[in-house]
Amino acid sequence: MVAIKGGTFKMGDFGETHSEEKLPYTREFDDGPVHDVTLDDFSMSKHKVTVGDYDVYTAANGLQGGYLGSNQSAR
């Protein structure tokens, strides 16, 4: 696991102007107005885990939570 420092960033549609960091805007239908988002410190795996990887893990260990379900065998 890798420790990631939390912080605050701006999220949303910047409209006709770009953000202070000159980031583009998307104008997606579900974009909301620009607002501050603050995240606490968190950890993330440094290795990619796909849904398929997780399904194999849960199926092999008899755990629920995978998309295959607990009663199906891993592919």
N, C-alpha and C. Protein backbone atom coordinates (compact mmCIF):
# COMPACT_ATOMS: atom_id res chain seq x y z
N MET A 1 0.84 -1.18 0.00
CA MET A 1 0.00 0.00 0.00
C MET A 1 0.89 1.25 0.00
N VAL A 2 0.37 2.26 -0.65
CA VAL A 2 1.07 3.53 -0.74
C VAL A 2 0.23 4.58 -0.02
N ALA A 3 0.85 5.34 0.88
CA ALA A 3 0.14 6.41 1.59
C ALA A 3 0.02 7.62 0.68
N ILE A 4 -1.18 8.19 0.60
CA ILE A 4 -1.43 9.37 -0.22
C ILE A 4 -1.95 10.47 0.69
N LYS A 5 -1.31 11.62 0.60
CA LYS A 5 -1.68 12.76 1.43
C LYS A 5 -2.97 13.37 0.93
N GLY A 6 -3.88 13.63 1.84
CA GLY A 6 -5.14 14.27 1.49
C GLY A 6 -4.93 15.72 1.14
N GLY A 7 -5.98 16.36 0.72
CA GLY A 7 -5.91 17.76 0.37
C GLY A 7 -7.23 18.23 -0.22
N THR A 8 -7.23 19.44 -0.73
CA THR A 8 -8.43 20.04 -1.30
C THR A 8 -8.16 20.37 -2.77
N PHE A 9 -9.13 20.10 -3.62
CA PHE A 9 -9.03 20.44 -5.03
C PHE A 9 -10.39 20.90 -5.53
N LYS A 10 -10.40 21.56 -6.67
CA LYS A 10 -11.64 22.03 -7.27
C LYS A 10 -12.15 20.98 -8.24
N MET A 11 -13.46 20.72 -8.18
CA MET A 11 -14.09 19.72 -9.04
C MET A 11 -15.35 20.33 -9.63
N GLY A 12 -15.61 20.03 -10.89
CA GLY A 12 -16.83 20.52 -11.52
C GLY A 12 -16.55 21.18 -12.85
N ASP A 13 -17.57 21.78 -13.43
CA ASP A 13 -17.48 22.41 -14.74
C ASP A 13 -17.06 23.87 -14.56
N PHE A 14 -15.93 24.24 -15.15
CA PHE A 14 -15.43 25.60 -15.04
C PHE A 14 -16.12 26.54 -16.02
N GLY A 15 -17.03 26.02 -16.84
CA GLY A 15 -17.78 26.87 -17.76
C GLY A 15 -16.94 27.39 -18.90
N GLU A 16 -17.17 28.63 -19.27
CA GLU A 16 -16.48 29.21 -20.43
C GLU A 16 -15.01 29.47 -20.19
N THR A 17 -14.58 29.53 -18.93
CA THR A 17 -13.17 29.79 -18.65
C THR A 17 -12.52 28.51 -18.14
N HIS A 18 -11.22 28.46 -18.25
CA HIS A 18 -10.45 27.33 -17.73
C HIS A 18 -10.16 27.56 -16.26
N SER A 19 -9.75 26.50 -15.59
CA SER A 19 -9.37 26.61 -14.18
C SER A 19 -8.08 27.41 -14.05
N GLU A 20 -7.75 27.75 -12.82
CA GLU A 20 -6.49 28.48 -12.58
C GLU A 20 -5.29 27.70 -13.09
N GLU A 21 -5.39 26.38 -13.08
CA GLU A 21 -4.29 25.53 -13.55
C GLU A 21 -4.35 25.32 -15.05
N LYS A 22 -5.23 26.06 -15.74
CA LYS A 22 -5.43 25.96 -17.19
C LYS A 22 -5.94 24.59 -17.62
N LEU A 23 -6.70 23.94 -16.72
CA LEU A 23 -7.29 22.65 -17.04
C LEU A 23 -8.52 22.85 -17.91
N PRO A 24 -8.76 21.97 -18.86
CA PRO A 24 -9.94 22.11 -19.72
C PRO A 24 -11.20 21.75 -18.97
N TYR A 25 -12.31 22.16 -19.48
CA TYR A 25 -13.60 21.79 -18.93
C TYR A 25 -14.23 20.76 -19.85
N THR A 26 -15.16 19.99 -19.33
CA THR A 26 -15.71 18.89 -20.13
C THR A 26 -17.10 19.17 -20.65
N ARG A 27 -17.89 19.93 -19.93
CA ARG A 27 -19.28 20.21 -20.30
C ARG A 27 -20.11 18.94 -20.44
N GLU A 28 -19.79 17.94 -19.65
CA GLU A 28 -20.61 16.74 -19.63
C GLU A 28 -21.95 17.08 -19.00
N PHE A 29 -23.00 16.34 -19.36
CA PHE A 29 -24.34 16.65 -18.87
C PHE A 29 -24.46 16.55 -17.36
N ASP A 30 -23.63 15.73 -16.73
CA ASP A 30 -23.76 15.55 -15.28
C ASP A 30 -22.72 16.35 -14.48
N ASP A 31 -21.96 17.22 -15.15
CA ASP A 31 -21.02 18.07 -14.43
C ASP A 31 -21.78 19.10 -13.60
N GLY A 32 -21.38 19.24 -12.37
CA GLY A 32 -21.97 20.26 -11.51
C GLY A 32 -21.10 21.50 -11.52
N PRO A 33 -21.53 22.53 -10.82
CA PRO A 33 -20.70 23.73 -10.73
C PRO A 33 -19.42 23.44 -9.96
N VAL A 34 -18.42 24.26 -10.17
CA VAL A 34 -17.14 24.08 -9.48
C VAL A 34 -17.35 24.18 -7.98
N HIS A 35 -16.76 23.25 -7.26
CA HIS A 35 -16.83 23.25 -5.81
C HIS A 35 -15.57 22.61 -5.25
N ASP A 36 -15.25 22.94 -4.01
CA ASP A 36 -14.07 22.37 -3.36
C ASP A 36 -14.40 20.98 -2.85
N VAL A 37 -13.47 20.05 -3.05
CA VAL A 37 -13.57 18.70 -2.52
C VAL A 37 -12.34 18.46 -1.65
N THR A 38 -12.56 18.01 -0.44
CA THR A 38 -11.46 17.75 0.48
C THR A 38 -11.43 16.26 0.82
N LEU A 39 -10.26 15.66 0.65
CA LEU A 39 -10.06 14.25 0.97
C LEU A 39 -9.10 14.12 2.14
N ASP A 40 -9.40 13.17 3.03
CA ASP A 40 -8.47 12.82 4.10
C ASP A 40 -7.32 12.02 3.49
N ASP A 41 -6.26 11.83 4.25
CA ASP A 41 -5.18 10.94 3.83
C ASP A 41 -5.77 9.56 3.60
N PHE A 42 -5.23 8.82 2.62
CA PHE A 42 -5.72 7.47 2.37
C PHE A 42 -4.60 6.62 1.79
N SER A 43 -4.85 5.33 1.69
CA SER A 43 -3.87 4.39 1.12
C SER A 43 -4.46 3.74 -0.12
N MET A 44 -3.57 3.40 -1.05
CA MET A 44 -3.99 2.75 -2.29
C MET A 44 -2.94 1.72 -2.67
N SER A 45 -3.39 0.62 -3.21
CA SER A 45 -2.46 -0.40 -3.66
C SER A 45 -1.60 0.15 -4.79
N LYS A 46 -0.32 -0.21 -4.79
CA LYS A 46 0.53 0.26 -5.87
C LYS A 46 0.44 -0.66 -7.09
N HIS A 47 -0.35 -1.73 -6.97
CA HIS A 47 -0.54 -2.66 -8.08
C HIS A 47 -1.99 -2.61 -8.55
N LYS A 48 -2.18 -2.59 -9.84
CA LYS A 48 -3.52 -2.57 -10.41
C LYS A 48 -4.23 -3.88 -10.11
N VAL A 49 -5.49 -3.79 -9.71
CA VAL A 49 -6.34 -4.96 -9.48
C VAL A 49 -7.59 -4.77 -10.33
N THR A 50 -7.81 -5.66 -11.28
CA THR A 50 -8.98 -5.55 -12.14
C THR A 50 -10.17 -6.24 -11.48
N VAL A 51 -11.36 -6.00 -12.02
CA VAL A 51 -12.56 -6.68 -11.53
C VAL A 51 -12.38 -8.19 -11.70
N GLY A 52 -11.79 -8.61 -12.80
CA GLY A 52 -11.52 -10.03 -13.02
C GLY A 52 -10.60 -10.61 -11.97
N ASP A 53 -9.54 -9.88 -11.61
CA ASP A 53 -8.63 -10.33 -10.55
C ASP A 53 -9.38 -10.50 -9.24
N TYR A 54 -10.22 -9.52 -8.93
CA TYR A 54 -10.98 -9.58 -7.68
C TYR A 54 -11.97 -10.74 -7.69
N ASP A 55 -12.60 -10.99 -8.83
CA ASP A 55 -13.52 -12.13 -8.95
C ASP A 55 -12.80 -13.45 -8.69
N VAL A 56 -11.62 -13.60 -9.26
CA VAL A 56 -10.84 -14.83 -9.05
C VAL A 56 -10.50 -14.98 -7.57
N TYR A 57 -10.08 -13.89 -6.94
CA TYR A 57 -9.72 -13.92 -5.52
C TYR A 57 -10.93 -14.30 -4.65
N THR A 58 -12.08 -13.65 -4.88
CA THR A 58 -13.24 -13.94 -4.04
C THR A 58 -13.75 -15.35 -4.27
N ALA A 59 -13.76 -15.79 -5.52
CA ALA A 59 -14.22 -17.15 -5.81
C ALA A 59 -13.28 -18.19 -5.19
N ALA A 60 -11.98 -17.98 -5.30
CA ALA A 60 -11.00 -18.93 -4.77
C ALA A 60 -11.05 -19.03 -3.25
N ASN A 61 -11.49 -17.96 -2.60
CA ASN A 61 -11.53 -17.93 -1.14
C ASN A 61 -12.94 -18.06 -0.57
N GLY A 62 -13.92 -18.36 -1.44
CA GLY A 62 -15.28 -18.55 -0.98
C GLY A 62 -15.91 -17.29 -0.39
N LEU A 63 -15.48 -16.14 -0.86
CA LEU A 63 -15.97 -14.87 -0.33
C LEU A 63 -17.05 -14.29 -1.23
N GLN A 64 -17.96 -13.55 -0.63
CA GLN A 64 -18.96 -12.84 -1.41
C GLN A 64 -18.39 -11.49 -1.82
N GLY A 65 -18.96 -10.90 -2.84
CA GLY A 65 -18.53 -9.57 -3.22
C GLY A 65 -18.04 -9.50 -4.64
N GLY A 66 -17.61 -10.60 -5.20
CA GLY A 66 -17.18 -10.58 -6.59
C GLY A 66 -18.37 -10.58 -7.53
N TYR A 67 -18.15 -10.14 -8.74
CA TYR A 67 -19.23 -10.10 -9.73
C TYR A 67 -19.68 -11.49 -10.14
N LEU A 68 -18.80 -12.48 -9.98
CA LEU A 68 -19.19 -13.85 -10.31
C LEU A 68 -20.14 -14.42 -9.28
N GLY A 69 -20.14 -13.89 -8.07
CA GLY A 69 -20.97 -14.45 -7.01
C GLY A 69 -20.20 -15.54 -6.28
N SER A 70 -20.59 -15.84 -5.07
CA SER A 70 -19.83 -16.79 -4.25
C SER A 70 -20.04 -18.23 -4.67
N ASN A 71 -21.08 -18.54 -5.46
CA ASN A 71 -21.35 -19.92 -5.82
C ASN A 71 -20.82 -20.31 -7.18
N GLN A 72 -20.17 -19.41 -7.89
CA GLN A 72 -19.65 -19.72 -9.21
C GLN A 72 -18.14 -19.92 -9.15
N SER A 73 -17.64 -20.76 -10.00
CA SER A 73 -16.20 -21.00 -10.02
C SER A 73 -15.51 -19.92 -10.84
N ALA A 74 -14.24 -19.68 -10.52
CA ALA A 74 -13.46 -18.67 -11.25
C ALA A 74 -13.18 -19.17 -12.65
N ARG A 75 -13.09 -18.26 -13.57
CA ARG A 75 -12.81 -18.62 -14.98
C ARG A 75 -11.34 -18.64 -15.24
